Amino acid sequence: MSKEKPLVCAYYFRNWHPNRQNDKWHGKGWTEWNLVKCATPRFEGHKQPKVPLTHGCSGIYYCTRQ
């Protein structure tokens, strides 16, 4: 068994969260979740759109309440 420690990396994709740049380019409140909501199945068994857990936020895609 290897004794090397794994390299752990974090990936931050800012378009999943509201920000000024998205507001300027796409309109206020736009995030990548807008694209996810419009997804359609591409083949049999492809379940789209994916809907994230709401965590008490009544079905919205981006919520800061936990």
C-alpha atoms as a PDB file:
ATOM      1  CA  MET A   1       0.000   0.000   0.000  1.00  0.00           C
ATOM      2  CA  SER A   2       1.320   3.446  -0.922  1.00  0.00           C
ATOM      3  CA  LYS A   3       2.463   5.678   1.916  1.00  0.00           C
ATOM      4  CA  GLU A   4       2.054   8.822  -0.130  1.00  0.00           C
ATOM      5  CA  LYS A   5      -0.654  11.157   1.094  1.00  0.00           C
ATOM      6  CA  PRO A   6      -3.306  12.019  -1.483  1.00  0.00           C
ATOM      7  CA  LEU A   7      -3.359  15.496  -2.950  1.00  0.00           C
ATOM      8  CA  VAL A   8      -6.607  17.179  -1.903  1.00  0.00           C
ATOM      9  CA  CYS A   9      -7.845  20.036  -4.069  1.00  0.00           C
ATOM     10  CA  ALA A  10     -10.892  22.279  -3.886  1.00  0.00           C
ATOM     11  CA  TYR A  11     -12.630  23.504  -7.001  1.00  0.00           C
ATOM     12  CA  TYR A  12     -14.580  26.751  -6.815  1.00  0.00           C
ATOM     13  CA  PHE A  13     -16.793  27.593  -9.751  1.00  0.00           C
ATOM     14  CA  ARG A  14     -18.161  31.043  -9.030  1.00  0.00           C
ATOM     15  CA  ASN A  15     -20.995  30.921 -11.541  1.00  0.00           C
ATOM     16  CA  TRP A  16     -23.013  28.646  -9.241  1.00  0.00           C
ATOM     17  CA  HIS A  17     -23.367  31.607  -6.884  1.00  0.00           C
ATOM     18  CA  PRO A  18     -24.812  35.097  -7.455  1.00  0.00           C
ATOM     19  CA  ASN A  19     -22.119  37.675  -8.221  1.00  0.00           C
ATOM     20  CA  ARG A  20     -21.748  41.093  -9.872  1.00  0.00           C
ATOM     21  CA  GLN A  21     -20.138  39.709 -13.031  1.00  0.00           C
ATOM     22  CA  ASN A  22     -23.071  37.369 -13.696  1.00  0.00           C
ATOM     23  CA  ASP A  23     -25.520  40.190 -12.965  1.00  0.00           C
ATOM     24  CA  LYS A  24     -23.738  42.404 -15.504  1.00  0.00           C
ATOM     25  CA  TRP A  25     -23.456  39.778 -18.259  1.00  0.00           C
ATOM     26  CA  HIS A  26     -26.693  37.788 -17.833  1.00  0.00           C
ATOM     27  CA  GLY A  27     -29.044  39.906 -15.710  1.00  0.00           C
ATOM     28  CA  LYS A  28     -29.593  40.243 -11.985  1.00  0.00           C
ATOM     29  CA  GLY A  29     -29.732  36.970 -10.068  1.00  0.00           C
ATOM     30  CA  TRP A  30     -28.484  34.714 -12.891  1.00  0.00           C
ATOM     31  CA  THR A  31     -26.405  31.647 -11.950  1.00  0.00           C
ATOM     32  CA  GLU A  32     -25.509  28.339 -13.622  1.00  0.00           C
ATOM     33  CA  TRP A  33     -28.520  26.868 -11.828  1.00  0.00           C
ATOM     34  CA  ASN A  34     -30.656  28.601 -14.470  1.00  0.00           C
ATOM     35  CA  LEU A  35     -29.106  26.265 -17.052  1.00  0.00           C
ATOM     36  CA  VAL A  36     -29.561  23.189 -14.852  1.00  0.00           C
ATOM     37  CA  LYS A  37     -33.286  23.924 -14.448  1.00  0.00           C
ATOM     38  CA  CYS A  38     -33.707  23.911 -18.248  1.00  0.00           C
ATOM     39  CA  ALA A  39     -31.937  20.588 -18.817  1.00  0.00           C
ATOM     40  CA  THR A  40     -33.800  17.943 -20.809  1.00  0.00           C
ATOM     41  CA  PRO A  41     -33.246  14.169 -21.026  1.00  0.00           C
ATOM     42  CA  ARG A  42     -30.847  13.199 -23.843  1.00  0.00           C
ATOM     43  CA  PHE A  43     -31.365   9.408 -23.790  1.00  0.00           C
ATOM     44  CA  GLU A  44     -33.572   6.764 -22.181  1.00  0.00           C
ATOM     45  CA  GLY A  45     -33.043   6.709 -18.420  1.00  0.00           C
ATOM     46  CA  HIS A  46     -31.399  10.154 -18.364  1.00  0.00           C
ATOM     47  CA  LYS A  47     -33.214  11.894 -15.531  1.00  0.00           C
ATOM     48  CA  GLN A  48     -33.184  15.634 -16.112  1.00  0.00           C
ATOM     49  CA  PRO A  49     -33.487  18.245 -14.766  1.00  0.00           C
ATOM     50  CA  LYS A  50     -31.698  17.489 -11.521  1.00  0.00           C
ATOM     51  CA  VAL A  51     -33.225  19.302  -8.573  1.00  0.00           C
ATOM     52  CA  PRO A  52     -31.028  19.946  -5.519  1.00  0.00           C
ATOM     53  CA  LEU A  53     -32.234  19.458  -1.967  1.00  0.00           C
ATOM     54  CA  THR A  54     -34.006  22.553  -0.734  1.00  0.00           C
ATOM     55  CA  HIS A  55     -32.787  22.641   2.904  1.00  0.00           C
ATOM     56  CA  GLY A  56     -35.968  24.513   3.809  1.00  0.00           C
ATOM     57  CA  CYS A  57     -35.675  27.078   1.001  1.00  0.00           C
ATOM     58  CA  SER A  58     -38.925  26.134  -0.804  1.00  0.00           C
ATOM     59  CA  GLY A  59     -37.460  24.741  -4.034  1.00  0.00           C
ATOM     60  CA  ILE A  60     -34.881  27.391  -5.006  1.00  0.00           C
ATOM     61  CA  TYR A  61     -31.542  26.360  -6.477  1.00  0.00           C
ATOM     62  CA  TYR A  62     -29.254  28.593  -4.463  1.00  0.00           C
ATOM     63  CA  CYS A  63     -29.873  29.038  -0.778  1.00  0.00           C
ATOM     64  CA  THR A  64     -27.606  30.286   1.989  1.00  0.00           C
ATOM     65  CA  ARG A  65     -29.851  28.961   4.750  1.00  0.00           C
ATOM     66  CA  GLN A  66     -28.771  25.604   6.150  1.00  0.00           C
END
